[in-house]
């Protein structure tokens, strides 16, 4: 079991000194025929993506969503086995893309069942932790990172909230045992997870 600790994870808009978690992504692309059947247009070299997600399999994950205050303890959300979804929206993203985006992410066969068969997180059934991760939109310029392609804060919050709601509806309809948790858009957060991998995929829409 590999333990991953991303302390000082920022989930909202860039601009502070915190760093994103170290992720070694594997780009996963469905066959063209499958994409056409599902009506999902993945980003290609001809144009930039409207959203970027990273899927990380986990045995358990714990995310701090509210730091401790003078008179209050820190608040956390936690899931057992399932998947962590990091999500970032770019300029040009809209709510129209969300249903197909959610369907693709939740139906990909990326989880190994007890019998060794590859199944989706819906079929497992597994839990999902959604983390807003604006730093996925960063591009290097010299020794600094720039985030000019990221969507504005208000539009990003609106799309993130709608994305979370759609994931909750899909997962809860599939199994009463499924837990859906999510981070707070715009807050600095702390993530700790145990991963059955590394088993990480990058998906662009």
C-alpha atoms as a PDB file:
ATOM      1  CA  UNK A   1       0.000   0.000   0.000  1.00  0.00           C
ATOM      2  CA  UNK A   2       1.440   3.365  -0.945  1.00  0.00           C
ATOM      3  CA  UNK A   3       0.614   6.383   1.171  1.00  0.00           C
ATOM      4  CA  UNK A   4       0.264   9.769  -0.512  1.00  0.00           C
ATOM      5  CA  UNK A   5       0.296  12.962   1.547  1.00  0.00           C
ATOM      6  CA  UNK A   6      -0.363  16.226  -0.246  1.00  0.00           C
ATOM      7  CA  UNK A   7      -0.182  18.789   2.503  1.00  0.00           C
ATOM      8  CA  UNK A   8      -1.071  22.369   1.644  1.00  0.00           C
ATOM      9  CA  UNK A   9      -3.125  21.418  -1.372  1.00  0.00           C
ATOM     10  CA  UNK A  10      -4.870  24.376  -2.985  1.00  0.00           C
ATOM     11  CA  UNK A  11      -8.196  23.650  -4.599  1.00  0.00           C
ATOM     12  CA  UNK A  12      -9.407  27.052  -5.656  1.00  0.00           C
ATOM     13  CA  UNK A  13      -7.887  29.755  -7.782  1.00  0.00           C
ATOM     14  CA  UNK A  14      -4.082  29.861  -8.011  1.00  0.00           C
ATOM     15  CA  UNK A  15      -2.211  32.752  -6.569  1.00  0.00           C
ATOM     16  CA  UNK A  16      -0.986  31.517  -3.218  1.00  0.00           C
ATOM     17  CA  UNK A  17       2.208  29.683  -2.437  1.00  0.00           C
ATOM     18  CA  UNK A  18       0.738  26.219  -1.931  1.00  0.00           C
ATOM     19  CA  UNK A  19       1.592  23.413  -4.287  1.00  0.00           C
ATOM     20  CA  UNK A  20      -0.509  20.812  -6.051  1.00  0.00           C
ATOM     21  CA  UNK A  21      -0.022  17.147  -5.189  1.00  0.00           C
ATOM     22  CA  UNK A  22       2.645  15.245  -7.073  1.00  0.00           C
ATOM     23  CA  UNK A  23       0.857  13.236  -9.732  1.00  0.00           C
ATOM     24  CA  UNK A  24       2.387  11.005 -12.378  1.00  0.00           C
ATOM     25  CA  UNK A  25      -0.432  10.994 -14.925  1.00  0.00           C
ATOM     26  CA  UNK A  26      -1.193   8.404 -17.558  1.00  0.00           C
ATOM     27  CA  UNK A  27      -3.182   9.759 -20.470  1.00  0.00           C
ATOM     28  CA  UNK A  28      -6.148   7.497 -21.158  1.00  0.00           C
ATOM     29  CA  UNK A  29      -7.982   7.721 -24.471  1.00  0.00           C
ATOM     30  CA  UNK A  30     -11.018   5.755 -25.505  1.00  0.00           C
ATOM     31  CA  UNK A  31     -11.231   4.306 -29.030  1.00  0.00           C
ATOM     32  CA  UNK A  32     -12.686   6.792 -31.495  1.00  0.00           C
ATOM     33  CA  UNK A  33     -15.737   4.599 -32.060  1.00  0.00           C
ATOM     34  CA  UNK A  34     -16.549   4.604 -28.347  1.00  0.00           C
ATOM     35  CA  UNK A  35     -16.239   8.362 -28.176  1.00  0.00           C
ATOM     36  CA  UNK A  36     -18.564   8.805 -31.115  1.00  0.00           C
ATOM     37  CA  UNK A  37     -21.151   6.435 -29.629  1.00  0.00           C
ATOM     38  CA  UNK A  38     -21.161   8.268 -26.309  1.00  0.00           C
ATOM     39  CA  UNK A  39     -21.136  11.674 -27.945  1.00  0.00           C
ATOM     40  CA  UNK A  40     -18.069  12.674 -25.946  1.00  0.00           C
ATOM     41  CA  UNK A  41     -15.585  14.935 -27.649  1.00  0.00           C
ATOM     42  CA  UNK A  42     -12.204  14.569 -26.032  1.00  0.00           C
ATOM     43  CA  UNK A  43      -9.613  17.296 -26.463  1.00  0.00           C
ATOM     44  CA  UNK A  44      -7.140  16.721 -29.268  1.00  0.00           C
ATOM     45  CA  UNK A  45      -4.138  18.480 -30.745  1.00  0.00           C
ATOM     46  CA  UNK A  46      -6.393  20.661 -32.862  1.00  0.00           C
ATOM     47  CA  UNK A  47      -7.740  22.657 -29.911  1.00  0.00           C
ATOM     48  CA  UNK A  48      -7.356  23.099 -26.193  1.00  0.00           C
ATOM     49  CA  UNK A  49      -9.558  21.289 -23.674  1.00  0.00           C
ATOM     50  CA  UNK A  50     -12.450  22.916 -21.828  1.00  0.00           C
ATOM     51  CA  UNK A  51     -11.825  20.814 -18.717  1.00  0.00           C
ATOM     52  CA  UNK A  52      -9.061  18.637 -17.303  1.00  0.00           C
ATOM     53  CA  UNK A  53      -9.520  15.878 -14.746  1.00  0.00           C
ATOM     54  CA  UNK A  54      -7.194  13.477 -12.964  1.00  0.00           C
ATOM     55  CA  UNK A  55      -8.578  10.170 -11.678  1.00  0.00           C
ATOM     56  CA  UNK A  56      -6.732   8.512  -8.795  1.00  0.00           C
ATOM     57  CA  UNK A  57      -7.747   5.113  -7.452  1.00  0.00           C
ATOM     58  CA  UNK A  58      -7.685   4.925  -3.664  1.00  0.00           C
ATOM     59  CA  UNK A  59      -8.236   2.536  -0.769  1.00  0.00           C
ATOM     60  CA  UNK A  60      -9.206   5.481   1.398  1.00  0.00           C
ATOM     61  CA  UNK A  61      -8.866   9.268   1.276  1.00  0.00           C
ATOM     62  CA  UNK A  62      -9.302  12.115   3.746  1.00  0.00           C
ATOM     63  CA  UNK A  63      -9.611  15.777   2.778  1.00  0.00           C
ATOM     64  CA  UNK A  64      -9.562  18.777   5.072  1.00  0.00           C
ATOM     65  CA  UNK A  65     -12.240  21.182   3.864  1.00  0.00           C
ATOM     66  CA  UNK A  66     -12.037  23.758   6.648  1.00  0.00           C
ATOM     67  CA  UNK A  67      -8.899  24.614   8.659  1.00  0.00           C
ATOM     68  CA  UNK A  68      -9.006  24.861  12.418  1.00  0.00           C
ATOM     69  CA  UNK A  69     -10.028  28.201  13.885  1.00  0.00           C
ATOM     70  CA  UNK A  70      -9.408  29.804  17.246  1.00  0.00           C
ATOM     71  CA  UNK A  71     -12.472  28.113  18.716  1.00  0.00           C
ATOM     72  CA  UNK A  72     -13.138  25.319  16.233  1.00  0.00           C
ATOM     73  CA  UNK A  73     -11.467  22.160  15.039  1.00  0.00           C
ATOM     74  CA  UNK A  74     -10.578  21.427  11.436  1.00  0.00           C
ATOM     75  CA  UNK A  75     -13.308  19.810   9.339  1.00  0.00           C
ATOM     76  CA  UNK A  76     -12.708  16.770   7.123  1.00  0.00           C
ATOM     77  CA  UNK A  77     -14.520  14.596   4.616  1.00  0.00           C
ATOM     78  CA  UNK A  78     -13.475  10.990   4.097  1.00  0.00           C
ATOM     79  CA  UNK A  79     -14.159   8.073   1.766  1.00  0.00           C
ATOM     80  CA  UNK A  80     -13.204   4.399   1.727  1.00  0.00           C
ATOM     81  CA  UNK A  81     -12.266   2.508  -1.422  1.00  0.00           C
ATOM     82  CA  UNK A  82     -13.060   4.267  -4.663  1.00  0.00           C
ATOM     83  CA  UNK A  83     -11.720   7.164  -6.675  1.00  0.00           C
ATOM     84  CA  UNK A  84     -10.464  10.705  -6.182  1.00  0.00           C
ATOM     85  CA  UNK A  85     -11.389  13.072  -9.024  1.00  0.00           C
ATOM     86  CA  UNK A  86      -9.397  16.287  -9.396  1.00  0.00           C
ATOM     87  CA  UNK A  87     -11.160  18.721 -11.734  1.00  0.00           C
ATOM     88  CA  UNK A  88     -10.231  22.013 -13.400  1.00  0.00           C
ATOM     89  CA  UNK A  89     -12.304  24.055 -15.867  1.00  0.00           C
ATOM     90  CA  UNK A  90     -10.891  26.291 -18.599  1.00  0.00           C
ATOM     91  CA  UNK A  91     -12.261  29.284 -20.470  1.00  0.00           C
ATOM     92  CA  UNK A  92     -14.993  28.117 -22.821  1.00  0.00           C
ATOM     93  CA  UNK A  93     -16.336  25.416 -20.497  1.00  0.00           C
ATOM     94  CA  UNK A  94     -20.114  25.274 -20.097  1.00  0.00           C
ATOM     95  CA  UNK A  95     -22.762  23.263 -18.260  1.00  0.00           C
ATOM     96  CA  UNK A  96     -23.720  21.548 -21.523  1.00  0.00           C
ATOM     97  CA  UNK A  97     -20.566  19.414 -21.349  1.00  0.00           C
ATOM     98  CA  UNK A  98     -21.106  18.228 -17.768  1.00  0.00           C
ATOM     99  CA  UNK A  99     -23.544  15.301 -18.270  1.00  0.00           C
ATOM    100  CA  UNK A 100     -21.286  13.567 -20.790  1.00  0.00           C
ATOM    101  CA  UNK A 101     -18.217  14.421 -18.766  1.00  0.00           C
ATOM    102  CA  UNK A 102     -19.690  12.843 -15.615  1.00  0.00           C
ATOM    103  CA  UNK A 103     -20.943   9.800 -17.527  1.00  0.00           C
ATOM    104  CA  UNK A 104     -17.494   9.188 -19.013  1.00  0.00           C
ATOM    105  CA  UNK A 105     -15.623   9.511 -15.724  1.00  0.00           C
ATOM    106  CA  UNK A 106     -17.975   7.293 -13.737  1.00  0.00           C
ATOM    107  CA  UNK A 107     -18.393   4.567 -16.353  1.00  0.00           C
ATOM    108  CA  UNK A 108     -14.778   3.981 -17.367  1.00  0.00           C
ATOM    109  CA  UNK A 109     -13.586   0.544 -16.249  1.00  0.00           C
ATOM    110  CA  UNK A 110     -10.667   1.630 -14.109  1.00  0.00           C
ATOM    111  CA  UNK A 111     -11.340  -0.289 -10.866  1.00  0.00           C
ATOM    112  CA  UNK A 112     -10.326  -3.877 -10.139  1.00  0.00           C
ATOM    113  CA  UNK A 113     -13.043  -5.981  -8.522  1.00  0.00           C
ATOM    114  CA  UNK A 114     -12.427  -8.751  -5.988  1.00  0.00           C
ATOM    115  CA  UNK A 115     -12.481 -11.248  -8.870  1.00  0.00           C
ATOM    116  CA  UNK A 116      -9.806  -9.337 -10.777  1.00  0.00           C
ATOM    117  CA  UNK A 117     -12.215  -7.989 -13.378  1.00  0.00           C
ATOM    118  CA  UNK A 118     -11.942  -4.343 -14.410  1.00  0.00           C
ATOM    119  CA  UNK A 119     -15.149  -2.463 -13.593  1.00  0.00           C
ATOM    120  CA  UNK A 120     -16.299   1.140 -13.269  1.00  0.00           C
ATOM    121  CA  UNK A 121     -16.588   2.906  -9.925  1.00  0.00           C
ATOM    122  CA  UNK A 122     -20.363   2.559 -10.338  1.00  0.00           C
ATOM    123  CA  UNK A 123     -20.108  -1.203 -10.776  1.00  0.00           C
ATOM    124  CA  UNK A 124     -17.583  -1.741  -7.970  1.00  0.00           C
ATOM    125  CA  UNK A 125     -19.434   0.043  -6.238  1.00  0.00           C
ATOM    126  CA  UNK A 126     -16.928   2.573  -4.958  1.00  0.00           C
ATOM    127  CA  UNK A 127     -16.897   5.931  -3.264  1.00  0.00           C
ATOM    128  CA  UNK A 128     -15.882   9.210  -4.874  1.00  0.00           C
ATOM    129  CA  UNK A 129     -14.038  12.238  -3.519  1.00  0.00           C
ATOM    130  CA  UNK A 130     -14.150  15.290  -5.801  1.00  0.00           C
ATOM    131  CA  UNK A 131     -11.373  17.860  -5.382  1.00  0.00           C
ATOM    132  CA  UNK A 132     -11.392  21.222  -7.217  1.00  0.00           C
ATOM    133  CA  UNK A 133      -7.855  21.641  -8.511  1.00  0.00           C
ATOM    134  CA  UNK A 134      -7.265  24.848 -10.463  1.00  0.00           C
ATOM    135  CA  UNK A 135      -3.518  24.208 -10.633  1.00  0.00           C
ATOM    136  CA  UNK A 136      -4.173  21.526 -13.263  1.00  0.00           C
ATOM    137  CA  UNK A 137      -4.522  24.460 -15.677  1.00  0.00           C
ATOM    138  CA  UNK A 138      -1.021  25.785 -15.104  1.00  0.00           C
ATOM    139  CA  UNK A 139       1.523  26.333 -17.860  1.00  0.00           C
ATOM    140  CA  UNK A 140       5.202  27.058 -17.253  1.00  0.00           C
ATOM    141  CA  UNK A 141       6.675  30.379 -18.329  1.00  0.00           C
ATOM    142  CA  UNK A 142      10.282  30.579 -17.384  1.00  0.00           C
ATOM    143  CA  UNK A 143      10.489  29.477 -13.774  1.00  0.00           C
ATOM    144  CA  UNK A 144       6.906  30.454 -12.934  1.00  0.00           C
ATOM    145  CA  UNK A 145       3.497  28.923 -13.586  1.00  0.00           C
ATOM    146  CA  UNK A 146       0.704  30.845 -15.289  1.00  0.00           C
ATOM    147  CA  UNK A 147      -3.026  30.099 -15.237  1.00  0.00           C
ATOM    148  CA  UNK A 148      -4.390  32.388 -17.946  1.00  0.00           C
ATOM    149  CA  UNK A 149      -6.499  29.620 -19.520  1.00  0.00           C
ATOM    150  CA  UNK A 150      -8.440  28.887 -16.337  1.00  0.00           C
ATOM    151  CA  UNK A 151     -12.080  29.886 -16.131  1.00  0.00           C
ATOM    152  CA  UNK A 152     -13.052  32.826 -13.903  1.00  0.00           C
ATOM    153  CA  UNK A 153     -13.716  32.192 -10.227  1.00  0.00           C
ATOM    154  CA  UNK A 154     -17.498  32.720 -10.294  1.00  0.00           C
ATOM    155  CA  UNK A 155     -18.040  30.599 -13.408  1.00  0.00           C
ATOM    156  CA  UNK A 156     -15.660  27.980 -12.052  1.00  0.00           C
ATOM    157  CA  UNK A 157     -17.628  27.703  -8.813  1.00  0.00           C
ATOM    158  CA  UNK A 158     -20.891  27.388 -10.735  1.00  0.00           C
ATOM    159  CA  UNK A 159     -19.551  24.602 -12.973  1.00  0.00           C
ATOM    160  CA  UNK A 160     -17.880  22.811 -10.069  1.00  0.00           C
ATOM    161  CA  UNK A 161     -21.098  22.841  -8.031  1.00  0.00           C
ATOM    162  CA  UNK A 162     -23.084  21.508 -10.994  1.00  0.00           C
ATOM    163  CA  UNK A 163     -20.438  18.825 -11.619  1.00  0.00           C
ATOM    164  CA  UNK A 164     -20.622  17.666  -7.988  1.00  0.00           C
ATOM    165  CA  UNK A 165     -24.432  17.531  -8.103  1.00  0.00           C
ATOM    166  CA  UNK A 166     -24.426  15.405 -11.258  1.00  0.00           C
ATOM    167  CA  UNK A 167     -21.860  12.991  -9.796  1.00  0.00           C
ATOM    168  CA  UNK A 168     -23.965  12.630  -6.648  1.00  0.00           C
ATOM    169  CA  UNK A 169     -27.086  11.837  -8.667  1.00  0.00           C
ATOM    170  CA  UNK A 170     -25.300   9.237 -10.823  1.00  0.00           C
ATOM    171  CA  UNK A 171     -23.606   7.471  -7.922  1.00  0.00           C
ATOM    172  CA  UNK A 172     -26.553   7.475  -5.554  1.00  0.00           C
ATOM    173  CA  UNK A 173     -28.839   6.133  -8.255  1.00  0.00           C
ATOM    174  CA  UNK A 174     -26.397   3.276  -8.872  1.00  0.00           C
ATOM    175  CA  UNK A 175     -25.955   2.130  -5.263  1.00  0.00           C
ATOM    176  CA  UNK A 176     -27.260   3.108  -1.839  1.00  0.00           C
ATOM    177  CA  UNK A 177     -23.860   2.162  -0.393  1.00  0.00           C
ATOM    178  CA  UNK A 178     -21.953   4.766  -2.383  1.00  0.00           C
ATOM    179  CA  UNK A 179     -20.528   7.815  -0.621  1.00  0.00           C
ATOM    180  CA  UNK A 180     -19.887  11.063  -2.498  1.00  0.00           C
ATOM    181  CA  UNK A 181     -17.738  13.712  -0.834  1.00  0.00           C
ATOM    182  CA  UNK A 182     -16.213  16.884  -2.207  1.00  0.00           C
ATOM    183  CA  UNK A 183     -13.821  19.673  -1.390  1.00  0.00           C
ATOM    184  CA  UNK A 184     -14.627  23.364  -1.031  1.00  0.00           C
ATOM    185  CA  UNK A 185     -14.004  25.514  -4.086  1.00  0.00           C
ATOM    186  CA  UNK A 186     -11.521  28.294  -3.364  1.00  0.00           C
ATOM    187  CA  UNK A 187     -10.204  26.895  -0.071  1.00  0.00           C
ATOM    188  CA  UNK A 188      -6.726  25.645   0.695  1.00  0.00           C
ATOM    189  CA  UNK A 189      -7.070  21.998   1.630  1.00  0.00           C
ATOM    190  CA  UNK A 190      -5.017  19.091   2.942  1.00  0.00           C
ATOM    191  CA  UNK A 191      -5.342  15.656   1.346  1.00  0.00           C
ATOM    192  CA  UNK A 192      -4.132  12.284   2.602  1.00  0.00           C
ATOM    193  CA  UNK A 193      -4.831   9.078   0.697  1.00  0.00           C
ATOM    194  CA  UNK A 194      -3.802   5.450   0.436  1.00  0.00           C
ATOM    195  CA  UNK A 195      -3.602   4.394  -3.172  1.00  0.00           C
ATOM    196  CA  UNK A 196      -3.678   0.902  -4.659  1.00  0.00           C
ATOM    197  CA  UNK A 197      -1.308   1.893  -7.418  1.00  0.00           C
ATOM    198  CA  UNK A 198      -0.024   4.310  -8.447  1.00  0.00           C
ATOM    199  CA  UNK A 199      -2.995   4.144 -10.779  1.00  0.00           C
ATOM    200  CA  UNK A 200      -3.657   7.608 -12.167  1.00  0.00           C
ATOM    201  CA  UNK A 201      -5.333   8.739 -15.385  1.00  0.00           C
ATOM    202  CA  UNK A 202      -5.563  12.139 -17.036  1.00  0.00           C
ATOM    203  CA  UNK A 203      -8.769  12.928 -18.926  1.00  0.00           C
ATOM    204  CA  UNK A 204      -9.411  16.058 -20.975  1.00  0.00           C
ATOM    205  CA  UNK A 205     -12.747  17.190 -22.366  1.00  0.00           C
END
